[in-house]
Amino acid sequence: MKFEVIIKIGRTIGKSALFVKNIYMRTSPKVETFIKFARVELIPPTRQDLPAIREQCRSLYCQMLLGNWRYTTVREAWLNALVATEVLMWFFVGECIGKRHLVGYNVSGTST
């Protein structure tokens, strides 16, 4: 009886180890690709990047004044709307995390 239980536990541990190994083998190339791109894309801007950022902002402002936004395609406008919605949602999520409540702020001096 005890020997059968030990064998079942051993088989379960063996299957679990094989399962974890398979997951690692399948996901490791994707994780390596993510890390490769994250090292490049997720770093904050440096001082050398500031002139290019300033020039892009100036270009966007001039295009806005000239009305070039009228010539965007429906696809570009839809993608811009999705990006703006994502930024807005992250703002709301940050607000909920910051106030530690889903609704309203706790104001001191009021009855609860």
N, C-alpha and C. Protein backbone atom coordinates (compact mmCIF):
# COMPACT_ATOMS: atom_id res chain seq x y z
N MET A 1 0.83 -1.20 0.00
CA MET A 1 0.00 0.00 0.00
C MET A 1 0.87 1.25 0.00
N LYS A 2 1.79 1.33 0.95
CA LYS A 2 2.66 2.50 1.02
C LYS A 2 3.53 2.60 -0.22
N PHE A 3 3.98 1.46 -0.72
CA PHE A 3 4.85 1.45 -1.88
C PHE A 3 4.11 1.98 -3.11
N GLU A 4 2.82 1.62 -3.26
CA GLU A 4 2.02 2.09 -4.39
C GLU A 4 1.83 3.60 -4.33
N VAL A 5 1.62 4.14 -3.14
CA VAL A 5 1.46 5.58 -2.97
C VAL A 5 2.75 6.29 -3.35
N ILE A 6 3.88 5.74 -2.94
CA ILE A 6 5.17 6.34 -3.25
C ILE A 6 5.40 6.32 -4.76
N ILE A 7 5.02 5.23 -5.42
CA ILE A 7 5.17 5.15 -6.87
C ILE A 7 4.28 6.19 -7.56
N LYS A 8 3.04 6.36 -7.10
CA LYS A 8 2.14 7.36 -7.69
C LYS A 8 2.69 8.76 -7.50
N ILE A 9 3.23 9.03 -6.32
CA ILE A 9 3.82 10.36 -6.06
C ILE A 9 5.02 10.57 -6.97
N GLY A 10 5.84 9.55 -7.12
CA GLY A 10 7.00 9.66 -8.00
C GLY A 10 6.61 9.90 -9.44
N ARG A 11 5.59 9.21 -9.92
CA ARG A 11 5.11 9.43 -11.30
C ARG A 11 4.58 10.85 -11.47
N THR A 12 3.84 11.31 -10.48
CA THR A 12 3.29 12.67 -10.54
C THR A 12 4.41 13.70 -10.59
N ILE A 13 5.42 13.52 -9.77
CA ILE A 13 6.55 14.45 -9.76
C ILE A 13 7.28 14.39 -11.10
N GLY A 14 7.45 13.19 -11.63
CA GLY A 14 8.10 13.04 -12.93
C GLY A 14 7.33 13.73 -14.04
N LYS A 15 6.01 13.56 -14.04
CA LYS A 15 5.18 14.21 -15.05
C LYS A 15 5.20 15.72 -14.88
N SER A 16 5.22 16.19 -13.65
CA SER A 16 5.27 17.63 -13.39
C SER A 16 6.58 18.21 -13.90
N ALA A 17 7.68 17.51 -13.65
CA ALA A 17 8.98 17.99 -14.13
C ALA A 17 9.01 18.02 -15.65
N LEU A 18 8.45 17.01 -16.29
CA LEU A 18 8.40 16.98 -17.75
C LEU A 18 7.52 18.11 -18.28
N PHE A 19 6.41 18.37 -17.61
CA PHE A 19 5.52 19.46 -18.01
C PHE A 19 6.22 20.81 -17.92
N VAL A 20 6.93 21.04 -16.82
CA VAL A 20 7.66 22.30 -16.65
C VAL A 20 8.76 22.43 -17.70
N LYS A 21 9.45 21.33 -17.99
CA LYS A 21 10.51 21.35 -19.00
C LYS A 21 9.92 21.69 -20.37
N ASN A 22 8.76 21.11 -20.71
CA ASN A 22 8.12 21.41 -21.99
C ASN A 22 7.71 22.87 -22.08
N ILE A 23 7.17 23.41 -21.01
CA ILE A 23 6.79 24.82 -21.00
C ILE A 23 8.02 25.69 -21.20
N TYR A 24 9.10 25.37 -20.50
CA TYR A 24 10.34 26.14 -20.64
C TYR A 24 10.86 26.07 -22.07
N MET A 25 10.85 24.91 -22.67
CA MET A 25 11.38 24.75 -24.03
C MET A 25 10.53 25.51 -25.05
N ARG A 26 9.22 25.58 -24.82
CA ARG A 26 8.35 26.27 -25.77
C ARG A 26 8.41 27.79 -25.60
N THR A 27 8.57 28.26 -24.38
CA THR A 27 8.50 29.70 -24.15
C THR A 27 9.85 30.40 -24.15
N SER A 28 10.93 29.68 -24.01
CA SER A 28 12.23 30.35 -23.90
C SER A 28 12.59 31.17 -25.14
N PRO A 29 12.33 30.74 -26.38
CA PRO A 29 12.64 31.62 -27.52
C PRO A 29 11.83 32.91 -27.50
N LYS A 30 10.57 32.81 -27.11
CA LYS A 30 9.73 34.01 -27.07
C LYS A 30 10.19 34.96 -25.96
N VAL A 31 10.59 34.42 -24.84
CA VAL A 31 11.08 35.25 -23.73
C VAL A 31 12.38 35.93 -24.13
N GLU A 32 13.27 35.20 -24.80
CA GLU A 32 14.53 35.79 -25.25
C GLU A 32 14.28 36.92 -26.24
N THR A 33 13.33 36.74 -27.15
CA THR A 33 12.98 37.79 -28.10
C THR A 33 12.41 39.00 -27.37
N PHE A 34 11.55 38.76 -26.39
CA PHE A 34 10.98 39.86 -25.61
C PHE A 34 12.07 40.64 -24.89
N ILE A 35 13.00 39.94 -24.27
CA ILE A 35 14.08 40.60 -23.54
C ILE A 35 14.96 41.40 -24.49
N LYS A 36 15.22 40.84 -25.67
CA LYS A 36 16.05 41.54 -26.65
C LYS A 36 15.41 42.88 -27.04
N PHE A 37 14.11 42.87 -27.31
CA PHE A 37 13.44 44.10 -27.69
C PHE A 37 13.22 45.02 -26.49
N ALA A 38 13.00 44.46 -25.31
CA ALA A 38 12.77 45.28 -24.12
C ALA A 38 14.01 46.08 -23.77
N ARG A 39 15.19 45.51 -23.98
CA ARG A 39 16.43 46.24 -23.67
C ARG A 39 16.58 47.47 -24.55
N VAL A 40 16.02 47.44 -25.74
CA VAL A 40 16.14 48.56 -26.67
C VAL A 40 14.97 49.52 -26.52
N GLU A 41 13.76 49.00 -26.42
CA GLU A 41 12.56 49.83 -26.50
C GLU A 41 12.12 50.42 -25.16
N LEU A 42 12.43 49.79 -24.06
CA LEU A 42 11.90 50.22 -22.78
C LEU A 42 12.87 51.05 -21.94
N ILE A 43 13.92 51.56 -22.56
CA ILE A 43 14.85 52.40 -21.81
C ILE A 43 14.37 53.85 -21.89
N PRO A 44 14.61 54.65 -20.87
CA PRO A 44 14.20 56.05 -20.93
C PRO A 44 15.06 56.82 -21.92
N PRO A 45 14.57 57.93 -22.43
CA PRO A 45 15.35 58.71 -23.39
C PRO A 45 16.60 59.30 -22.74
N THR A 46 17.65 59.42 -23.53
CA THR A 46 18.90 60.01 -23.06
C THR A 46 18.99 61.45 -23.54
N ARG A 47 20.03 62.12 -23.14
CA ARG A 47 20.22 63.51 -23.57
C ARG A 47 20.40 63.62 -25.09
N GLN A 48 20.97 62.59 -25.69
CA GLN A 48 21.16 62.61 -27.14
C GLN A 48 19.83 62.49 -27.88
N ASP A 49 18.82 61.95 -27.24
CA ASP A 49 17.51 61.79 -27.87
C ASP A 49 16.66 63.05 -27.80
N LEU A 50 16.99 63.97 -26.91
CA LEU A 50 16.14 65.15 -26.70
C LEU A 50 15.99 66.03 -27.94
N PRO A 51 17.05 66.33 -28.71
CA PRO A 51 16.82 67.15 -29.91
C PRO A 51 15.87 66.49 -30.91
N ALA A 52 15.97 65.19 -31.09
CA ALA A 52 15.06 64.50 -32.01
C ALA A 52 13.62 64.55 -31.48
N ILE A 53 13.46 64.40 -30.18
CA ILE A 53 12.12 64.48 -29.59
C ILE A 53 11.54 65.87 -29.77
N ARG A 54 12.37 66.88 -29.54
CA ARG A 54 11.92 68.27 -29.70
C ARG A 54 11.51 68.53 -31.15
N GLU A 55 12.28 68.02 -32.11
CA GLU A 55 11.97 68.22 -33.51
C GLU A 55 10.67 67.50 -33.90
N GLN A 56 10.45 66.32 -33.38
CA GLN A 56 9.21 65.60 -33.67
C GLN A 56 8.00 66.32 -33.09
N CYS A 57 8.14 66.86 -31.89
CA CYS A 57 7.04 67.62 -31.29
C CYS A 57 6.75 68.87 -32.10
N ARG A 58 7.79 69.56 -32.54
CA ARG A 58 7.61 70.76 -33.36
C ARG A 58 6.92 70.40 -34.68
N SER A 59 7.32 69.28 -35.28
CA SER A 59 6.72 68.84 -36.53
C SER A 59 5.24 68.50 -36.34
N LEU A 60 4.91 67.80 -35.26
CA LEU A 60 3.52 67.47 -34.99
C LEU A 60 2.68 68.73 -34.77
N TYR A 61 3.25 69.70 -34.06
CA TYR A 61 2.53 70.95 -33.81
C TYR A 61 2.27 71.69 -35.11
N CYS A 62 3.27 71.75 -35.99
CA CYS A 62 3.09 72.43 -37.27
C CYS A 62 2.06 71.70 -38.13
N GLN A 63 2.09 70.38 -38.13
CA GLN A 63 1.11 69.62 -38.90
C GLN A 63 -0.30 69.83 -38.35
N MET A 64 -0.41 69.98 -37.04
CA MET A 64 -1.72 70.23 -36.44
C MET A 64 -2.24 71.60 -36.88
N LEU A 65 -1.36 72.61 -36.87
CA LEU A 65 -1.78 73.94 -37.27
C LEU A 65 -2.17 74.00 -38.75
N LEU A 66 -1.46 73.25 -39.58
CA LEU A 66 -1.75 73.26 -41.01
C LEU A 66 -2.99 72.43 -41.36
N GLY A 67 -3.45 71.62 -40.44
CA GLY A 67 -4.64 70.81 -40.69
C GLY A 67 -4.35 69.52 -41.42
N ASN A 68 -3.14 69.02 -41.31
CA ASN A 68 -2.80 67.77 -41.99
C ASN A 68 -3.53 66.57 -41.39
N TRP A 69 -4.13 66.73 -40.23
CA TRP A 69 -4.88 65.64 -39.62
C TRP A 69 -6.09 65.27 -40.48
N ARG A 70 -6.51 66.19 -41.34
CA ARG A 70 -7.67 65.92 -42.20
C ARG A 70 -7.36 64.88 -43.27
N TYR A 71 -6.08 64.64 -43.53
CA TYR A 71 -5.68 63.73 -44.60
C TYR A 71 -5.29 62.35 -44.08
N THR A 72 -5.59 62.06 -42.84
CA THR A 72 -5.30 60.72 -42.33
C THR A 72 -6.35 59.74 -42.83
N THR A 73 -5.94 58.51 -43.01
CA THR A 73 -6.88 57.48 -43.46
C THR A 73 -7.73 57.02 -42.28
N VAL A 74 -8.79 56.32 -42.59
CA VAL A 74 -9.67 55.81 -41.54
C VAL A 74 -8.90 54.82 -40.66
N ARG A 75 -8.05 54.01 -41.29
CA ARG A 75 -7.25 53.04 -40.52
C ARG A 75 -6.32 53.75 -39.54
N GLU A 76 -5.62 54.80 -40.00
CA GLU A 76 -4.72 55.54 -39.11
C GLU A 76 -5.50 56.22 -37.99
N ALA A 77 -6.66 56.78 -38.33
CA ALA A 77 -7.48 57.43 -37.30
C ALA A 77 -7.96 56.41 -36.27
N TRP A 78 -8.35 55.22 -36.73
CA TRP A 78 -8.80 54.17 -35.82
C TRP A 78 -7.66 53.74 -34.91
N LEU A 79 -6.47 53.54 -35.46
CA LEU A 79 -5.33 53.15 -34.64
C LEU A 79 -4.97 54.24 -33.63
N ASN A 80 -5.04 55.50 -34.05
CA ASN A 80 -4.77 56.60 -33.12
C ASN A 80 -5.81 56.63 -32.00
N ALA A 81 -7.06 56.35 -32.34
CA ALA A 81 -8.11 56.32 -31.32
C ALA A 81 -7.87 55.17 -30.34
N LEU A 82 -7.43 54.02 -30.84
CA LEU A 82 -7.12 52.90 -29.95
C LEU A 82 -5.97 53.22 -29.00
N VAL A 83 -4.94 53.88 -29.52
CA VAL A 83 -3.81 54.25 -28.67
C VAL A 83 -4.25 55.25 -27.61
N ALA A 84 -5.05 56.24 -28.01
CA ALA A 84 -5.53 57.22 -27.05
C ALA A 84 -6.41 56.56 -25.98
N THR A 85 -7.24 55.61 -26.39
CA THR A 85 -8.07 54.89 -25.42
C THR A 85 -7.22 54.09 -24.45
N GLU A 86 -6.16 53.46 -24.96
CA GLU A 86 -5.28 52.69 -24.08
C GLU A 86 -4.60 53.59 -23.06
N VAL A 87 -4.12 54.75 -23.50
CA VAL A 87 -3.48 55.69 -22.57
C VAL A 87 -4.48 56.15 -21.52
N LEU A 88 -5.71 56.44 -21.94
CA LEU A 88 -6.74 56.87 -21.00
C LEU A 88 -7.08 55.78 -19.99
N MET A 89 -7.17 54.55 -20.45
CA MET A 89 -7.47 53.44 -19.54
C MET A 89 -6.34 53.23 -18.53
N TRP A 90 -5.08 53.33 -18.98
CA TRP A 90 -3.96 53.20 -18.04
C TRP A 90 -3.98 54.33 -17.01
N PHE A 91 -4.44 55.53 -17.43
CA PHE A 91 -4.58 56.62 -16.47
C PHE A 91 -5.60 56.25 -15.40
N PHE A 92 -6.76 55.72 -15.82
CA PHE A 92 -7.79 55.35 -14.85
C PHE A 92 -7.33 54.22 -13.95
N VAL A 93 -6.61 53.25 -14.50
CA VAL A 93 -6.09 52.16 -13.68
C VAL A 93 -5.10 52.71 -12.66
N GLY A 94 -4.25 53.64 -13.07
CA GLY A 94 -3.30 54.26 -12.15
C GLY A 94 -4.01 55.04 -11.05
N GLU A 95 -5.09 55.70 -11.40
CA GLU A 95 -5.86 56.42 -10.38
C GLU A 95 -6.44 55.45 -9.36
N CYS A 96 -7.01 54.35 -9.83
CA CYS A 96 -7.58 53.36 -8.90
C CYS A 96 -6.50 52.76 -8.01
N ILE A 97 -5.33 52.50 -8.57
CA ILE A 97 -4.24 51.97 -7.76
C ILE A 97 -3.78 53.01 -6.75
N GLY A 98 -3.69 54.26 -7.18
CA GLY A 98 -3.21 55.32 -6.30
C GLY A 98 -4.13 55.61 -5.13
N LYS A 99 -5.41 55.59 -5.37
CA LYS A 99 -6.34 55.89 -4.27
C LYS A 99 -6.74 54.65 -3.50
N ARG A 100 -6.35 53.48 -3.96
CA ARG A 100 -6.60 52.19 -3.31
C ARG A 100 -8.09 51.89 -3.14
N HIS A 101 -8.92 52.50 -3.95
CA HIS A 101 -10.36 52.24 -3.95
C HIS A 101 -10.84 52.31 -5.38
N LEU A 102 -11.91 51.61 -5.67
CA LEU A 102 -12.46 51.64 -7.01
C LEU A 102 -13.27 52.92 -7.24
N VAL A 103 -13.97 53.38 -6.20
CA VAL A 103 -14.83 54.54 -6.35
C VAL A 103 -14.50 55.55 -5.26
N GLY A 104 -14.28 56.80 -5.63
CA GLY A 104 -14.14 57.89 -4.68
C GLY A 104 -12.86 57.91 -3.89
N TYR A 105 -12.59 59.05 -3.29
CA TYR A 105 -11.44 59.24 -2.43
C TYR A 105 -11.90 59.27 -0.98
N ASN A 106 -11.04 58.89 -0.06
CA ASN A 106 -11.32 59.02 1.36
C ASN A 106 -10.89 60.42 1.80
N VAL A 107 -11.86 61.25 2.16
CA VAL A 107 -11.58 62.60 2.60
C VAL A 107 -11.56 62.61 4.12
N SER A 108 -10.46 63.09 4.69
CA SER A 108 -10.37 63.11 6.16
C SER A 108 -11.32 64.16 6.72
N GLY A 109 -11.91 63.87 7.87
CA GLY A 109 -12.82 64.80 8.51
C GLY A 109 -14.27 64.60 8.14
N THR A 110 -14.55 63.65 7.30
CA THR A 110 -15.94 63.37 6.94
C THR A 110 -16.37 62.07 7.58
N SER A 111 -17.66 61.91 7.73
CA SER A 111 -18.16 60.68 8.33
C SER A 111 -18.19 59.58 7.27
N THR A 112 -17.89 58.37 7.72
CA THR A 112 -17.90 57.25 6.77
C THR A 112 -18.98 56.27 7.11
